[in-house]
Amino acid sequence: MYADLIQSLPGVLALPNLLAVIIGVIVGIVVGALPGLSATMAISVLVPFTFGLTPLVALGLMAGIYNGAMYGGAIPAVLLRIPGTPAAVATSFDGYPMAQKGQGGYALQVAVVSSSIGGIASAFALMLLAPPLSKVTLLFGPAEVFWVAVFGLCSIVFLLGSDVIKGLVSACFGVFVSVIGSDPILGNDRFTFDRLELLDGISIVVLLVGLYALPPVMDLLESPVKTDSAVDGRLKAEPIWRSLPRMLRFWKTWLRGSIIGIWIGILPGAGGSMAALMSYNEARRSSKTPQTWGHGEPEGVAAAETANNADTAAALIPALTLGIPGTSVAAVMLGGLLIHGLQPGPMLFRENPDVVFGFMWQFLFGAILLLFLGGSLATNSFARLLLLPRPLLGAVIMVLMLIGVYSIHGRMFDVYLMLLFGAIGYLMDKLQYPIAPAVLGLILGGFAEENLRLALRIGLGDWTSLFTNLTSQVLVGMTLLVVLGPSLKRCLMNLRRGHPTGGAR
């Protein structure tokens, strides 16, 4: 296998294949930076145009777009608190406060370096560990996947924000939205109110743009005469090679985020959003200064961006080896393989090793190119958005949001739905309800429900079947640790304080 990996390298280094990766990265950054658009949408549009291209050129474009879009979503998340992609939600938690402090350029540099590191780690995992790691997915049946989703929900509710009740309310709202549409098992309509547009559920992009994008735009339009004397300072970012030594202290965060992103990527259906949020929570929990998180902590940007980019190539491990797409982007890429006569699965590595291993090299090159193309494009060009007058900036963002949401299905219903969620997000923002639990509730709610019901059907309705497997037991233990950990920690601290004096009984 590894001999085939080395032999495929000269073909990838051919000029057309390298140009395809470069163009893909640039297009991906632009797509990711436009709120409402996504890598899935860009690759879906691209696939029909690749019929006349060689497989490596077509796959190079896809790999480049995927890498570029995952980082591109961080640009509006940092500068405007509007995640360009769902995976950039966690990036906005500390990226936007950094921009408000005049550190927007540094936040983008941390994001692009962390994205590149996560992408490189993910590409190596895909190249070197695809066959053995593909066996790990066989350990996760419906019961295990259900507990992974519960672990993710508990993590975001109890580790993000100071008010657990508000976090629970927000998460329950997201879970409720996730069950709108057709029942995944029986096909019954749920909360559709006889609207055909709701049969397929509510798109994550519609919810994300509404909850996250509209409140900041309303804030821009509410104070159109506000001036900002720090704008010029925000654009004076050091070259990356100068700021890189300051980032080396994030090496543990990069390592942890890469491991989490790769692990989540291998699990079918999880995705970069879950990876970024889990990485952010774990980094915050292990931080010596957790109180600074959410107020402009660069390590939070590093944690989120490393994990959501480490998910990219790793999501293709089950797709290429088992033919099981782990994410919507992976599913579209499988379609790209099929139209070029490449059948995903175990035989792909035997029958077309030059193409499949070349594809893996292209992911690695795309992650490396991201460091150079992303740094110059984002810091030197996109950051100048802050120089626009606030009313003009708000109007431009509103137009981009409307175009992006309308282009999902080509219908005005999605636009009205986005405006509704925008009003809800505005109220949540004013009442200080965290929005991240709602987003994760939508992502994981239906995911958890479907796998729970499948596990119970397999176990003939016996609830103990959810706990019989060792993998399930480990995941249940991790979930309990997350839920009970803060309380146990407080109890231990009280015991230690009270022991010397006998005050704690």
Protein backbone atom coordinates (compact mmCIF):
# COMPACT_ATOMS: atom_id res chain seq x y z
CA MET A 1 0.00 0.00 0.00
CA TYR A 2 2.71 2.47 0.99
CA ALA A 3 4.68 1.66 -2.20
CA ASP A 4 1.61 2.72 -4.21
CA LEU A 5 1.45 5.90 -2.13
CA ILE A 6 4.99 6.89 -3.15
CA GLN A 7 4.49 5.86 -6.79
CA SER A 8 1.42 8.09 -7.12
CA LEU A 9 3.33 11.24 -6.12
CA PRO A 10 4.86 12.11 -9.56
CA GLY A 11 1.42 12.13 -11.18
CA VAL A 12 0.10 14.58 -8.59
CA LEU A 13 3.06 16.92 -9.18
CA ALA A 14 2.08 17.39 -12.83
CA LEU A 15 1.25 21.04 -13.54
CA PRO A 16 -2.48 20.60 -14.37
CA ASN A 17 -3.06 18.65 -11.15
CA LEU A 18 -1.22 21.22 -9.01
CA LEU A 19 -3.08 24.10 -10.66
CA ALA A 20 -6.36 22.34 -9.93
CA VAL A 21 -5.53 22.24 -6.20
CA ILE A 22 -4.44 25.92 -6.17
CA ILE A 23 -7.59 27.09 -7.96
CA GLY A 24 -9.72 24.92 -5.70
CA VAL A 25 -8.22 26.40 -2.51
CA ILE A 26 -8.81 29.98 -3.73
CA VAL A 27 -12.40 29.22 -4.79
CA GLY A 28 -13.01 27.42 -1.50
CA ILE A 29 -11.82 30.39 0.58
CA VAL A 30 -14.13 32.73 -1.34
CA VAL A 31 -17.10 30.33 -1.03
CA GLY A 32 -16.49 29.76 2.68
CA ALA A 33 -16.26 33.50 3.30
CA LEU A 34 -19.73 34.13 1.83
CA PRO A 35 -22.38 33.44 4.52
CA GLY A 36 -24.94 30.90 3.37
CA LEU A 37 -22.67 29.15 0.88
CA SER A 38 -20.81 25.94 1.72
CA ALA A 39 -18.28 23.46 0.41
CA THR A 40 -21.09 21.01 -0.32
CA MET A 41 -22.84 23.54 -2.53
CA ALA A 42 -19.65 24.54 -4.36
CA ILE A 43 -18.60 20.95 -5.05
CA SER A 44 -22.14 20.00 -6.09
CA VAL A 45 -22.08 22.78 -8.68
CA LEU A 46 -18.60 21.74 -9.80
CA VAL A 47 -19.23 18.00 -10.27
CA PRO A 48 -21.24 18.24 -13.55
CA PHE A 49 -18.44 20.33 -15.10
CA THR A 50 -15.78 17.68 -14.39
CA PHE A 51 -16.99 15.16 -16.98
CA GLY A 52 -14.35 16.18 -19.50
CA LEU A 53 -11.50 16.46 -16.97
CA THR A 54 -9.05 13.79 -15.91
CA PRO A 55 -9.86 12.20 -12.53
CA LEU A 56 -6.92 13.81 -10.70
CA VAL A 57 -7.74 17.31 -12.00
CA ALA A 58 -11.39 16.93 -10.96
CA LEU A 59 -10.51 15.47 -7.56
CA GLY A 60 -7.83 18.14 -7.04
CA LEU A 61 -10.44 20.86 -7.50
CA MET A 62 -12.70 19.14 -4.97
CA ALA A 63 -9.91 18.66 -2.42
CA GLY A 64 -8.85 22.30 -2.78
CA ILE A 65 -12.39 23.64 -2.42
CA TYR A 66 -12.99 21.49 0.67
CA ASN A 67 -9.79 22.69 2.39
CA GLY A 68 -10.32 26.32 1.39
CA ALA A 69 -13.99 26.48 2.40
CA MET A 70 -13.38 25.04 5.85
CA TYR A 71 -10.95 27.89 6.57
CA GLY A 72 -12.89 30.52 4.61
CA GLY A 73 -15.80 30.20 7.01
CA ALA A 74 -13.55 31.63 9.74
CA ILE A 75 -13.17 34.99 7.94
CA PRO A 76 -16.69 36.36 8.51
CA ALA A 77 -16.83 34.48 11.84
CA VAL A 78 -13.85 36.51 13.10
CA LEU A 79 -14.60 39.85 11.46
CA LEU A 80 -18.40 39.94 11.65
CA ARG A 81 -19.46 37.11 14.03
CA ILE A 82 -21.15 35.46 11.06
CA PRO A 83 -19.90 31.88 10.52
CA GLY A 84 -19.36 31.40 6.80
CA THR A 85 -19.86 27.65 7.25
CA PRO A 86 -21.53 25.63 10.03
CA ALA A 87 -18.13 24.37 11.20
CA ALA A 88 -17.00 27.96 11.96
CA VAL A 89 -19.54 28.50 14.75
CA ALA A 90 -17.01 27.85 17.53
CA THR A 91 -14.45 30.10 15.81
CA SER A 92 -16.69 33.13 16.36
CA PHE A 93 -16.77 32.63 20.14
CA ASP A 94 -13.31 34.18 20.61
CA GLY A 95 -12.48 35.34 17.08
CA TYR A 96 -15.06 38.11 17.02
CA PRO A 97 -14.11 39.49 20.48
CA MET A 98 -10.49 39.55 19.25
CA ALA A 99 -11.55 41.62 16.23
CA GLN A 100 -13.38 44.02 18.53
CA LYS A 101 -10.16 44.47 20.49
CA GLY A 102 -8.25 45.34 17.32
CA GLN A 103 -6.73 41.85 16.97
CA GLY A 104 -8.72 40.71 13.93
CA GLY A 105 -5.59 40.26 11.81
CA TYR A 106 -3.93 38.09 14.47
CA ALA A 107 -7.12 36.05 14.90
CA LEU A 108 -7.16 35.32 11.16
CA GLN A 109 -3.50 34.33 11.30
CA VAL A 110 -4.16 31.93 14.17
CA ALA A 111 -7.12 30.54 12.20
CA VAL A 112 -5.17 29.95 8.98
CA VAL A 113 -2.17 28.36 10.74
CA SER A 114 -4.43 26.13 12.84
CA SER A 115 -6.52 25.22 9.78
CA SER A 116 -3.41 24.25 7.86
CA ILE A 117 -2.10 22.12 10.75
CA GLY A 118 -5.44 20.37 11.17
CA GLY A 119 -5.69 19.75 7.42
CA ILE A 120 -2.16 18.32 7.26
CA ALA A 121 -2.86 16.00 10.20
CA SER A 122 -6.11 14.89 8.56
CA ALA A 123 -4.38 14.22 5.22
CA PHE A 124 -1.73 12.08 6.92
CA ALA A 125 -4.45 10.13 8.72
CA LEU A 126 -6.18 9.50 5.40
CA MET A 127 -2.96 8.51 3.62
CA LEU A 128 -1.39 6.31 6.26
CA LEU A 129 -4.26 5.01 8.39
CA ALA A 130 -7.26 4.61 6.08
CA PRO A 131 -7.39 0.76 5.95
CA PRO A 132 -6.75 0.11 9.67
CA LEU A 133 -8.85 3.04 10.88
CA SER A 134 -11.75 2.02 8.67
CA LYS A 135 -12.15 -0.99 10.97
CA VAL A 136 -12.84 1.36 13.89
CA THR A 137 -16.12 2.42 12.28
CA LEU A 138 -17.29 -1.19 12.53
CA LEU A 139 -17.29 -0.80 16.35
CA PHE A 140 -19.93 1.92 16.14
CA GLY A 141 -23.42 0.62 15.65
CA PRO A 142 -26.59 2.68 16.20
CA ALA A 143 -26.30 2.50 20.01
CA GLU A 144 -22.70 3.74 20.03
CA VAL A 145 -23.44 6.55 17.58
CA PHE A 146 -26.38 7.61 19.77
CA TRP A 147 -24.08 7.96 22.79
CA VAL A 148 -21.59 9.96 20.72
CA ALA A 149 -24.41 12.41 19.93
CA VAL A 150 -25.48 12.58 23.60
CA PHE A 151 -21.87 13.20 24.62
CA GLY A 152 -21.66 16.09 22.15
CA LEU A 153 -24.90 17.64 23.42
CA CYS A 154 -23.88 17.34 27.05
CA SER A 155 -20.47 18.83 26.31
CA ILE A 156 -21.82 21.96 24.72
CA VAL A 157 -24.58 22.50 27.31
CA PHE A 158 -22.52 22.04 30.46
CA LEU A 159 -19.13 23.34 29.30
CA LEU A 160 -20.24 26.42 27.37
CA GLY A 161 -21.68 29.41 29.18
CA SER A 162 -22.21 30.16 32.84
CA ASP A 163 -25.98 29.56 32.92
CA VAL A 164 -26.74 25.84 32.53
CA ILE A 165 -30.52 26.42 32.43
CA LYS A 166 -30.24 28.80 29.48
CA GLY A 167 -27.90 26.33 27.78
CA LEU A 168 -30.47 23.55 28.25
CA VAL A 169 -33.29 25.72 26.89
CA SER A 170 -31.22 26.61 23.84
CA ALA A 171 -30.23 22.98 23.21
CA CYS A 172 -33.85 21.81 23.56
CA PHE A 173 -34.91 24.43 21.01
CA GLY A 174 -32.33 23.06 18.56
CA VAL A 175 -33.45 19.47 19.19
CA PHE A 176 -37.08 20.47 18.59
CA VAL A 177 -36.15 22.08 15.26
CA SER A 178 -34.27 18.88 14.30
CA VAL A 179 -37.44 16.74 14.53
CA ILE A 180 -39.42 18.94 12.13
CA GLY A 181 -40.08 17.08 8.88
CA SER A 182 -40.62 13.44 7.97
CA ASP A 183 -40.05 10.75 10.56
CA PRO A 184 -36.77 9.02 9.52
CA ILE A 185 -38.09 5.57 10.49
CA LEU A 186 -41.83 5.57 9.73
CA GLY A 187 -42.10 8.53 7.33
CA ASN A 188 -44.85 10.36 9.26
CA ASP A 189 -45.02 14.16 9.05
CA ARG A 190 -44.02 16.03 12.22
CA PHE A 191 -44.68 19.74 12.84
CA THR A 192 -44.87 20.48 9.11
CA PHE A 193 -48.27 22.27 9.29
CA ASP A 194 -49.06 20.84 5.84
CA ARG A 195 -46.15 22.72 4.25
CA LEU A 196 -44.36 20.64 1.63
CA GLU A 197 -41.23 22.76 2.13
CA LEU A 198 -40.82 21.35 5.66
CA LEU A 199 -41.01 17.66 4.72
CA ASP A 200 -37.21 17.45 4.38
CA GLY A 201 -36.65 19.29 7.65
CA ILE A 202 -34.97 22.64 8.20
CA SER A 203 -31.61 23.20 6.57
CA ILE A 204 -28.71 23.81 8.93
CA VAL A 205 -27.66 26.71 6.68
CA VAL A 206 -31.04 28.45 7.10
CA LEU A 207 -30.90 28.11 10.89
CA LEU A 208 -27.25 29.11 11.06
CA VAL A 209 -27.61 32.21 8.90
CA GLY A 210 -30.73 33.26 10.80
CA LEU A 211 -29.45 32.75 14.33
CA TYR A 212 -25.88 33.89 13.80
CA ALA A 213 -25.89 36.31 10.86
CA LEU A 214 -28.98 38.47 11.35
CA PRO A 215 -28.37 39.66 14.95
CA PRO A 216 -24.96 41.23 14.11
CA VAL A 217 -26.44 42.81 10.96
CA MET A 218 -29.24 44.30 13.05
CA ASP A 219 -26.59 45.63 15.41
CA LEU A 220 -24.78 47.23 12.47
CA LEU A 221 -27.99 48.89 11.28
CA GLU A 222 -29.06 49.91 14.79
CA SER A 223 -25.97 52.11 15.27
CA PRO A 224 -25.15 53.40 11.77
CA VAL A 225 -23.29 56.46 13.03
CA LYS A 226 -20.97 54.55 15.35
CA THR A 227 -17.34 55.14 14.46
CA ASP A 228 -14.44 52.92 15.37
CA SER A 229 -11.03 54.44 15.92
CA ALA A 230 -9.39 51.01 16.07
CA VAL A 231 -10.18 50.10 12.46
CA ASP A 232 -6.77 51.14 11.12
CA GLY A 233 -5.03 49.20 13.89
CA ARG A 234 -7.01 46.09 13.12
CA LEU A 235 -5.66 45.95 9.61
CA LYS A 236 -2.01 46.22 10.65
CA ALA A 237 -1.30 42.51 11.00
CA GLU A 238 2.23 41.15 11.19
CA PRO A 239 3.41 38.69 8.55
CA ILE A 240 2.61 35.13 9.59
CA TRP A 241 6.30 34.20 9.93
CA ARG A 242 6.67 36.91 12.58
CA SER A 243 3.57 36.00 14.58
CA LEU A 244 4.18 32.23 14.32
CA PRO A 245 6.56 32.09 17.35
CA ARG A 246 3.73 33.46 19.53
CA MET A 247 1.47 30.66 18.33
CA LEU A 248 3.83 27.84 19.25
CA ARG A 249 2.32 27.82 22.74
CA PHE A 250 -0.81 26.34 21.15
CA TRP A 251 0.95 23.09 20.26
CA LYS A 252 -1.07 21.07 22.78
CA THR A 253 -4.29 22.59 21.44
CA TRP A 254 -3.24 21.75 17.87
CA LEU A 255 -2.47 18.17 18.87
CA ARG A 256 -5.70 17.72 20.81
CA GLY A 257 -7.80 19.38 18.12
CA SER A 258 -6.24 17.21 15.40
CA ILE A 259 -6.99 14.02 17.31
CA ILE A 260 -10.59 15.07 18.04
CA GLY A 261 -11.16 16.19 14.44
CA ILE A 262 -9.78 12.96 12.98
CA TRP A 263 -11.81 10.84 15.40
CA ILE A 264 -15.04 12.72 14.68
CA GLY A 265 -14.29 12.65 10.94
CA ILE A 266 -14.10 8.87 10.95
CA LEU A 267 -17.55 8.59 12.58
CA PRO A 268 -20.23 8.70 9.86
CA GLY A 269 -22.58 11.65 10.17
CA ALA A 270 -20.78 13.69 12.84
CA GLY A 271 -19.06 16.46 10.85
CA GLY A 272 -16.80 19.44 11.41
CA SER A 273 -19.32 21.39 13.53
CA MET A 274 -19.29 18.74 16.23
CA ALA A 275 -15.49 18.39 16.02
CA ALA A 276 -14.92 22.14 16.42
CA LEU A 277 -17.30 22.48 19.36
CA MET A 278 -15.89 19.44 21.18
CA SER A 279 -12.32 20.62 20.62
CA TYR A 280 -13.21 24.10 21.87
CA ASN A 281 -14.84 22.69 24.99
CA GLU A 282 -11.97 20.33 25.79
CA ALA A 283 -9.40 23.09 25.30
CA ARG A 284 -11.38 25.45 27.52
CA ARG A 285 -11.79 22.80 30.21
CA SER A 286 -8.03 22.14 30.31
CA SER A 287 -7.10 25.83 30.20
CA LYS A 288 -5.57 27.51 33.27
CA THR A 289 -7.61 30.66 32.53
CA PRO A 290 -11.07 29.45 31.40
CA GLN A 291 -12.61 32.76 32.48
CA THR A 292 -10.92 34.53 29.53
CA TRP A 293 -12.58 32.26 26.98
CA GLY A 294 -15.37 33.93 25.06
CA HIS A 295 -13.72 37.32 25.54
CA GLY A 296 -10.99 37.11 22.91
CA GLU A 297 -8.82 34.07 23.73
CA PRO A 298 -6.71 33.15 20.64
CA GLU A 299 -6.40 29.56 21.86
CA GLY A 300 -10.15 29.20 21.35
CA VAL A 301 -9.74 30.11 17.67
CA ALA A 302 -6.87 27.62 17.38
CA ALA A 303 -8.90 24.81 19.01
CA ALA A 304 -11.94 25.29 16.76
CA GLU A 305 -10.09 25.74 13.47
CA THR A 306 -7.71 22.83 14.03
CA ALA A 307 -10.55 20.39 14.68
CA ASN A 308 -12.90 21.45 11.89
CA ASN A 309 -10.07 21.13 9.34
CA ALA A 310 -8.81 17.86 10.81
CA ASP A 311 -12.27 16.51 10.03
CA THR A 312 -11.97 17.08 6.25
CA ALA A 313 -9.80 14.27 4.90
CA ALA A 314 -10.65 12.01 7.86
CA ALA A 315 -14.32 12.09 6.82
CA LEU A 316 -13.25 10.35 3.60
CA ILE A 317 -11.76 7.34 5.42
CA PRO A 318 -15.10 5.49 5.71
CA ALA A 319 -16.16 6.92 2.34
CA LEU A 320 -13.18 5.58 0.36
CA THR A 321 -12.67 2.31 2.24
CA LEU A 322 -16.28 1.27 2.96
CA GLY A 323 -18.27 3.42 0.57
CA ILE A 324 -20.04 5.08 3.53
CA PRO A 325 -20.03 8.89 3.26
CA GLY A 326 -19.50 10.41 6.70
CA THR A 327 -20.62 13.92 5.71
CA SER A 328 -22.61 15.60 2.96
CA VAL A 329 -19.36 16.80 1.35
CA ALA A 330 -18.02 13.24 1.36
CA ALA A 331 -21.24 12.06 -0.28
CA VAL A 332 -20.84 14.63 -3.06
CA MET A 333 -17.20 13.59 -3.53
CA LEU A 334 -18.27 9.98 -3.85
CA GLY A 335 -20.52 11.12 -6.67
CA GLY A 336 -17.47 12.77 -8.24
CA LEU A 337 -15.59 9.46 -8.03
CA LEU A 338 -18.48 7.53 -9.53
CA ILE A 339 -18.85 9.75 -12.60
CA HIS A 340 -15.20 9.03 -13.36
CA GLY A 341 -15.75 5.28 -13.13
CA LEU A 342 -14.22 4.85 -9.68
CA GLN A 343 -16.20 2.62 -7.32
CA PRO A 344 -15.63 3.51 -3.64
CA GLY A 345 -14.90 0.57 -1.38
CA PRO A 346 -12.12 -1.88 -0.57
CA MET A 347 -11.43 -2.62 -4.26
CA LEU A 348 -10.70 1.04 -5.00
CA PHE A 349 -7.24 0.73 -3.45
CA ARG A 350 -6.44 -2.32 -5.57
CA GLU A 351 -7.89 -1.28 -8.92
CA ASN A 352 -7.08 2.47 -8.94
CA PRO A 353 -4.22 3.06 -6.47
CA ASP A 354 -2.71 5.91 -8.54
CA VAL A 355 -5.94 7.92 -8.40
CA VAL A 356 -6.97 7.23 -4.80
CA PHE A 357 -3.50 7.85 -3.36
CA GLY A 358 -3.05 10.85 -5.66
CA PHE A 359 -6.29 12.22 -4.23
CA MET A 360 -4.81 11.85 -0.74
CA TRP A 361 -1.66 13.74 -1.77
CA GLN A 362 -3.86 16.52 -3.14
CA PHE A 363 -5.53 16.88 0.26
CA LEU A 364 -2.09 17.27 1.83
CA PHE A 365 -0.96 19.86 -0.75
CA GLY A 366 -4.26 21.73 -0.34
CA ALA A 367 -3.69 22.01 3.43
CA ILE A 368 -0.12 23.28 2.91
CA LEU A 369 -1.18 25.79 0.22
CA LEU A 370 -3.86 27.04 2.58
CA LEU A 371 -1.16 28.48 4.83
CA PHE A 372 0.15 30.71 2.02
CA LEU A 373 -2.97 31.47 -0.02
CA GLY A 374 -5.23 31.80 3.01
CA GLY A 375 -2.87 34.09 4.89
CA SER A 376 -2.39 36.58 2.06
CA LEU A 377 -5.99 36.54 0.79
CA ALA A 378 -7.70 36.71 4.16
CA THR A 379 -5.49 39.06 6.16
CA ASN A 380 -4.61 41.48 3.38
CA SER A 381 -7.89 41.53 1.45
CA PHE A 382 -10.92 40.32 3.41
CA ALA A 383 -9.94 42.21 6.57
CA ARG A 384 -10.53 45.46 4.66
CA LEU A 385 -14.24 44.78 5.03
CA LEU A 386 -13.89 46.58 8.35
CA LEU A 387 -13.17 49.82 6.49
CA LEU A 388 -16.64 49.88 4.91
CA PRO A 389 -19.26 52.19 6.50
CA ARG A 390 -21.45 50.25 8.90
CA PRO A 391 -24.78 50.76 7.03
CA LEU A 392 -23.18 49.71 3.73
CA LEU A 393 -21.55 46.70 5.36
CA GLY A 394 -24.87 45.64 6.89
CA ALA A 395 -26.68 46.01 3.56
CA VAL A 396 -24.01 44.01 1.68
CA ILE A 397 -24.12 41.21 4.24
CA MET A 398 -27.93 41.13 4.14
CA VAL A 399 -27.91 40.79 0.34
CA LEU A 400 -25.32 37.98 0.50
CA MET A 401 -27.37 36.17 3.12
CA LEU A 402 -30.57 36.42 1.08
CA ILE A 403 -28.81 35.19 -2.07
CA GLY A 404 -27.08 32.36 -0.23
CA VAL A 405 -30.22 31.11 1.50
CA TYR A 406 -32.38 31.45 -1.63
CA SER A 407 -29.83 29.51 -3.70
CA ILE A 408 -30.11 26.43 -1.44
CA HIS A 409 -33.44 25.29 -2.93
CA GLY A 410 -34.42 28.29 -5.07
CA ARG A 411 -37.48 29.23 -3.02
CA MET A 412 -38.57 32.22 -0.95
CA PHE A 413 -39.85 29.99 1.87
CA ASP A 414 -36.27 29.46 3.06
CA VAL A 415 -35.75 33.24 3.11
CA TYR A 416 -38.84 33.76 5.28
CA LEU A 417 -37.69 30.94 7.56
CA MET A 418 -34.26 32.55 7.86
CA LEU A 419 -35.86 35.87 8.84
CA LEU A 420 -37.93 34.07 11.49
CA PHE A 421 -34.84 32.44 12.97
CA GLY A 422 -33.10 35.80 12.76
CA ALA A 423 -35.77 37.34 15.00
CA ILE A 424 -35.41 34.41 17.44
CA GLY A 425 -31.61 34.78 17.39
CA TYR A 426 -31.93 38.52 18.05
CA LEU A 427 -34.09 37.86 21.12
CA MET A 428 -31.74 35.13 22.34
CA ASP A 429 -28.80 37.51 21.93
CA LYS A 430 -30.54 40.27 23.91
CA LEU A 431 -31.64 37.84 26.64
CA GLN A 432 -28.13 36.32 26.75
CA TYR A 433 -29.14 32.81 25.74
CA PRO A 434 -26.20 30.93 24.14
CA ILE A 435 -26.85 30.15 20.48
CA ALA A 436 -24.27 27.37 20.06
CA PRO A 437 -26.35 24.74 21.94
CA ALA A 438 -29.26 25.40 19.57
CA VAL A 439 -27.05 24.83 16.51
CA LEU A 440 -25.56 21.64 17.95
CA GLY A 441 -29.04 20.52 19.01
CA LEU A 442 -30.15 20.75 15.37
CA ILE A 443 -27.05 18.94 14.15
CA LEU A 444 -27.19 16.12 16.70
CA GLY A 445 -30.89 15.96 17.60
CA GLY A 446 -32.13 14.08 14.55
CA PHE A 447 -28.84 12.17 14.41
CA ALA A 448 -29.36 10.93 18.00
CA GLU A 449 -33.07 10.17 17.53
CA GLU A 450 -32.59 8.08 14.39
CA ASN A 451 -29.80 5.99 15.90
CA LEU A 452 -31.64 5.56 19.22
CA ARG A 453 -34.73 4.22 17.46
CA LEU A 454 -32.64 1.94 15.24
CA ALA A 455 -30.78 0.59 18.28
CA LEU A 456 -34.07 -0.12 20.09
CA ARG A 457 -35.55 -1.84 17.04
CA ILE A 458 -32.45 -4.02 16.76
CA GLY A 459 -32.68 -4.75 20.50
CA LEU A 460 -36.43 -5.53 20.24
CA GLY A 461 -37.32 -2.60 22.47
CA ASP A 462 -34.95 -3.60 25.28
CA TRP A 463 -33.39 -0.41 26.72
CA THR A 464 -30.50 -2.39 28.23
CA SER A 465 -29.24 -3.03 24.68
CA LEU A 466 -27.96 0.56 24.72
CA PHE A 467 -25.44 -0.33 27.45
CA THR A 468 -24.31 -3.89 26.66
CA ASN A 469 -21.43 -3.02 24.31
CA LEU A 470 -18.07 -2.00 25.83
CA THR A 471 -17.83 0.97 23.45
CA SER A 472 -21.25 2.18 24.65
CA GLN A 473 -20.19 1.83 28.28
CA VAL A 474 -17.06 3.92 27.68
CA LEU A 475 -19.11 6.62 25.97
CA VAL A 476 -21.69 6.62 28.80
CA GLY A 477 -18.85 7.04 31.29
CA MET A 478 -17.43 9.96 29.32
CA THR A 479 -20.87 11.58 29.21
CA LEU A 480 -21.36 11.21 32.98
CA LEU A 481 -17.90 12.65 33.55
CA VAL A 482 -18.78 15.71 31.49
CA VAL A 483 -22.13 16.20 33.27
CA LEU A 484 -20.98 15.49 36.82
CA GLY A 485 -17.39 16.69 36.47
CA PRO A 486 -17.96 20.37 37.42
CA SER A 487 -19.97 19.37 40.54
CA LEU A 488 -17.38 16.81 41.64
CA LYS A 489 -14.61 19.34 41.10
CA ARG A 490 -16.40 21.90 43.28
CA CYS A 491 -16.98 19.29 46.01
CA LEU A 492 -13.30 18.30 46.04
CA MET A 493 -12.24 21.93 46.21
CA ASN A 494 -14.58 22.53 49.15
CA LEU A 495 -13.26 19.45 50.93
CA ARG A 496 -9.66 20.58 50.45
CA ARG A 497 -10.45 24.04 51.77
CA GLY A 498 -12.35 22.74 54.77
CA HIS A 499 -10.06 19.85 55.76
CA PRO A 500 -7.25 21.78 57.52
CA THR A 501 -9.67 23.70 59.76
CA GLY A 502 -12.35 21.09 59.98
CA GLY A 503 -14.80 23.62 58.58
CA ALA A 504 -16.17 21.40 55.81
CA ARG A 505 -18.42 18.67 57.08
